[in-house]
Amino acid sequence: MLDLYVYTINLGGQQMAALSLLTPEEVDRYGLVSEAVLGEVDPRRPDMTIENFTANEDFLTLMHRIVAHFAPELPVVQKQAEKLKNGPVYVIDRRTVDAGEKPPFEDVLGWFAIRDGALQLESYNPNPNYQLLSNNGPVQLDPFLEARLLEAITLACERKQNA
């Protein structure tokens, strides 16, 4: 499970709370790198709900790039492709707990096309309705995808530091 940290930031003269994957030590070293910020909430609100959460497009873009590139290596995706033969294979956020039930559409990260049992590698479609924060909690990726995402964020931090 991804560790989340909350940082108070000033956006256009308004105080906001940024939800980030960077530790305080990493923020001290690199700053608050956009790709590591899931989104913002209004810190004056007593609750953190999906209604007062604004997702960060930079983070979503990076996460979907990781899913598109690495999800085909997941055994669950490979098994679904073999079983389905033709159609879409969905990549599901792990916060969906009822494996036997259809997940809420907001918990579907995206999908790949399957043709004749073969996953079409370039066919990933991000779900435009995916929510980083839903009523089921914050994003929870497969551990393999999570590790790749954290590696990509580390690279983004190092690029920012060397720029």
Protein backbone atom coordinates (compact mmCIF):
# COMPACT_ATOMS: atom_id res chain seq x y z
CA MET A 1 0.00 0.00 0.00
CA LEU A 2 1.27 3.44 -0.90
CA ASP A 3 2.17 5.75 1.98
CA LEU A 4 0.54 9.17 1.67
CA TYR A 5 1.81 12.41 3.19
CA VAL A 6 -0.10 15.69 3.51
CA TYR A 7 1.63 19.03 2.85
CA THR A 8 0.10 22.48 3.13
CA ILE A 9 0.75 24.49 -0.02
CA ASN A 10 -0.28 27.88 -1.38
CA LEU A 11 -2.01 27.74 -4.78
CA GLY A 12 -2.89 31.12 -6.19
CA GLY A 13 -3.18 32.66 -2.74
CA GLN A 14 -5.33 29.82 -1.41
CA GLN A 15 -4.12 27.33 1.21
CA MET A 16 -4.52 23.72 0.06
CA ALA A 17 -3.41 20.36 1.35
CA ALA A 18 -1.44 18.28 -1.17
CA LEU A 19 -1.52 14.49 -0.89
CA SER A 20 1.90 13.20 -1.91
CA LEU A 21 3.92 10.01 -2.04
CA LEU A 22 7.09 11.89 -1.07
CA THR A 23 8.38 11.65 2.48
CA PRO A 24 9.28 14.86 4.34
CA GLU A 25 12.95 14.04 3.71
CA GLU A 26 12.34 13.72 -0.04
CA VAL A 27 10.40 17.00 -0.09
CA ASP A 28 13.32 18.68 1.70
CA ARG A 29 15.69 17.28 -0.92
CA TYR A 30 13.67 17.66 -4.14
CA GLY A 31 10.73 19.91 -3.34
CA LEU A 32 7.15 18.85 -3.91
CA VAL A 33 7.49 17.27 -7.36
CA SER A 34 4.19 17.40 -9.25
CA GLU A 35 4.33 13.77 -10.44
CA ALA A 36 4.36 12.65 -6.78
CA VAL A 37 1.25 14.64 -5.80
CA LEU A 38 -2.02 12.72 -6.09
CA GLY A 39 -4.08 15.86 -5.71
CA GLU A 40 -5.27 18.61 -3.41
CA VAL A 41 -7.96 19.09 -0.78
CA ASP A 42 -9.10 22.19 1.07
CA PRO A 43 -7.46 21.94 4.53
CA ARG A 44 -10.22 24.06 6.07
CA ARG A 45 -12.69 21.23 5.48
CA PRO A 46 -12.88 18.81 8.43
CA ASP A 47 -13.20 15.76 6.19
CA MET A 48 -11.30 14.48 3.19
CA THR A 49 -13.97 13.34 0.76
CA ILE A 50 -14.10 12.69 -2.94
CA GLU A 51 -16.21 15.83 -3.30
CA ASN A 52 -13.42 18.15 -2.08
CA PHE A 53 -10.52 16.28 -3.73
CA THR A 54 -8.99 17.51 -6.99
CA ALA A 55 -6.81 14.95 -8.78
CA ASN A 56 -3.44 16.02 -10.17
CA GLU A 57 -3.24 15.36 -13.92
CA ASP A 58 0.57 14.98 -13.81
CA PHE A 59 0.25 12.11 -11.33
CA LEU A 60 -2.62 10.49 -13.25
CA THR A 61 -0.64 10.67 -16.50
CA LEU A 62 2.41 9.05 -14.89
CA MET A 63 0.34 6.36 -13.19
CA HIS A 64 -1.48 5.46 -16.42
CA ARG A 65 1.85 5.35 -18.28
CA ILE A 66 3.13 2.84 -15.69
CA VAL A 67 -0.06 0.76 -15.93
CA ALA A 68 0.07 0.76 -19.74
CA HIS A 69 3.70 -0.35 -19.76
CA PHE A 70 3.81 -2.85 -16.88
CA ALA A 71 0.29 -4.25 -16.31
CA PRO A 72 0.71 -6.79 -19.16
CA GLU A 73 3.35 -8.48 -16.97
CA LEU A 74 0.84 -9.11 -14.17
CA PRO A 75 -0.21 -12.77 -13.89
CA VAL A 76 -3.84 -11.78 -13.24
CA VAL A 77 -3.95 -9.79 -16.50
CA GLN A 78 -2.28 -12.64 -18.43
CA LYS A 79 -4.76 -15.19 -17.04
CA GLN A 80 -7.72 -13.00 -17.93
CA ALA A 81 -6.41 -12.59 -21.47
CA GLU A 82 -6.05 -16.36 -21.93
CA LYS A 83 -9.50 -17.02 -20.50
CA LEU A 84 -11.30 -14.23 -22.38
CA LYS A 85 -9.83 -14.78 -25.87
CA ASN A 86 -11.43 -11.58 -27.25
CA GLY A 87 -12.61 -8.36 -25.63
CA PRO A 88 -11.39 -6.04 -22.88
CA VAL A 89 -9.28 -7.01 -19.86
CA TYR A 90 -9.68 -4.55 -17.03
CA VAL A 91 -6.96 -3.40 -14.65
CA ILE A 92 -8.65 -2.92 -11.28
CA ASP A 93 -7.60 -0.80 -8.32
CA ARG A 94 -6.88 -3.12 -5.38
CA ARG A 95 -9.04 -1.07 -3.02
CA THR A 96 -11.97 -3.04 -4.48
CA VAL A 97 -12.26 -5.83 -1.94
CA ASP A 98 -15.02 -8.06 -3.31
CA ALA A 99 -13.08 -10.05 -5.91
CA GLY A 100 -16.19 -11.98 -6.95
CA GLU A 101 -18.28 -8.90 -7.65
CA LYS A 102 -18.12 -6.39 -10.46
CA PRO A 103 -16.00 -3.43 -9.24
CA PRO A 104 -17.35 0.10 -9.30
CA PHE A 105 -16.35 1.76 -12.58
CA GLU A 106 -14.45 4.46 -10.63
CA ASP A 107 -12.13 1.66 -9.40
CA VAL A 108 -11.24 0.49 -12.92
CA LEU A 109 -7.85 1.99 -13.84
CA GLY A 110 -8.25 1.12 -17.51
CA TRP A 111 -8.35 -1.78 -19.96
CA PHE A 112 -6.48 -3.56 -22.70
CA ALA A 113 -7.88 -5.18 -25.84
CA ILE A 114 -7.54 -8.95 -26.17
CA ARG A 115 -7.54 -10.60 -29.60
CA ASP A 116 -7.38 -14.36 -29.97
CA GLY A 117 -6.15 -14.66 -26.37
CA ALA A 118 -3.29 -12.20 -26.91
CA LEU A 119 -3.11 -8.93 -25.06
CA GLN A 120 -2.62 -6.05 -27.47
CA LEU A 121 0.24 -4.18 -25.80
CA GLU A 122 -0.45 -0.76 -27.34
CA SER A 123 -4.19 -0.88 -26.68
CA TYR A 124 -4.34 0.43 -23.11
CA ASN A 125 -7.24 2.82 -22.51
CA PRO A 126 -7.21 4.80 -19.26
CA ASN A 127 -10.63 5.00 -17.64
CA PRO A 128 -11.65 8.69 -17.74
CA ASN A 129 -13.93 8.04 -14.75
CA TYR A 130 -11.22 6.48 -12.55
CA GLN A 131 -10.94 8.19 -9.16
CA LEU A 132 -7.65 8.33 -7.26
CA LEU A 133 -9.73 8.82 -4.13
CA SER A 134 -13.07 7.04 -3.94
CA ASN A 135 -15.50 6.01 -1.23
CA ASN A 136 -13.33 2.86 -0.98
CA GLY A 137 -10.21 4.90 -0.12
CA PRO A 138 -7.12 6.14 -1.97
CA VAL A 139 -5.46 4.40 -4.90
CA GLN A 140 -4.07 0.92 -4.19
CA LEU A 141 -2.01 -0.58 -6.97
CA ASP A 142 -0.71 -4.09 -7.41
CA PRO A 143 2.64 -4.26 -5.53
CA PHE A 144 4.52 -4.70 -8.83
CA LEU A 145 2.87 -1.61 -10.36
CA GLU A 146 3.36 0.31 -7.12
CA ALA A 147 7.10 -0.40 -7.20
CA ARG A 148 7.35 0.75 -10.84
CA LEU A 149 5.41 3.93 -10.00
CA LEU A 150 7.71 4.75 -7.08
CA GLU A 151 10.76 4.18 -9.33
CA ALA A 152 9.32 6.59 -11.91
CA ILE A 153 8.66 9.19 -9.22
CA THR A 154 12.24 8.85 -7.98
CA LEU A 155 13.46 9.46 -11.54
CA ALA A 156 11.22 12.55 -11.83
CA CYS A 157 12.68 13.87 -8.56
CA GLU A 158 16.24 13.30 -9.75
CA ARG A 159 15.50 15.00 -13.10
CA LYS A 160 14.09 18.02 -11.24
CA GLN A 161 17.16 18.16 -9.00
CA ASN A 162 19.53 17.98 -12.00
CA ALA A 163 17.61 20.55 -14.07
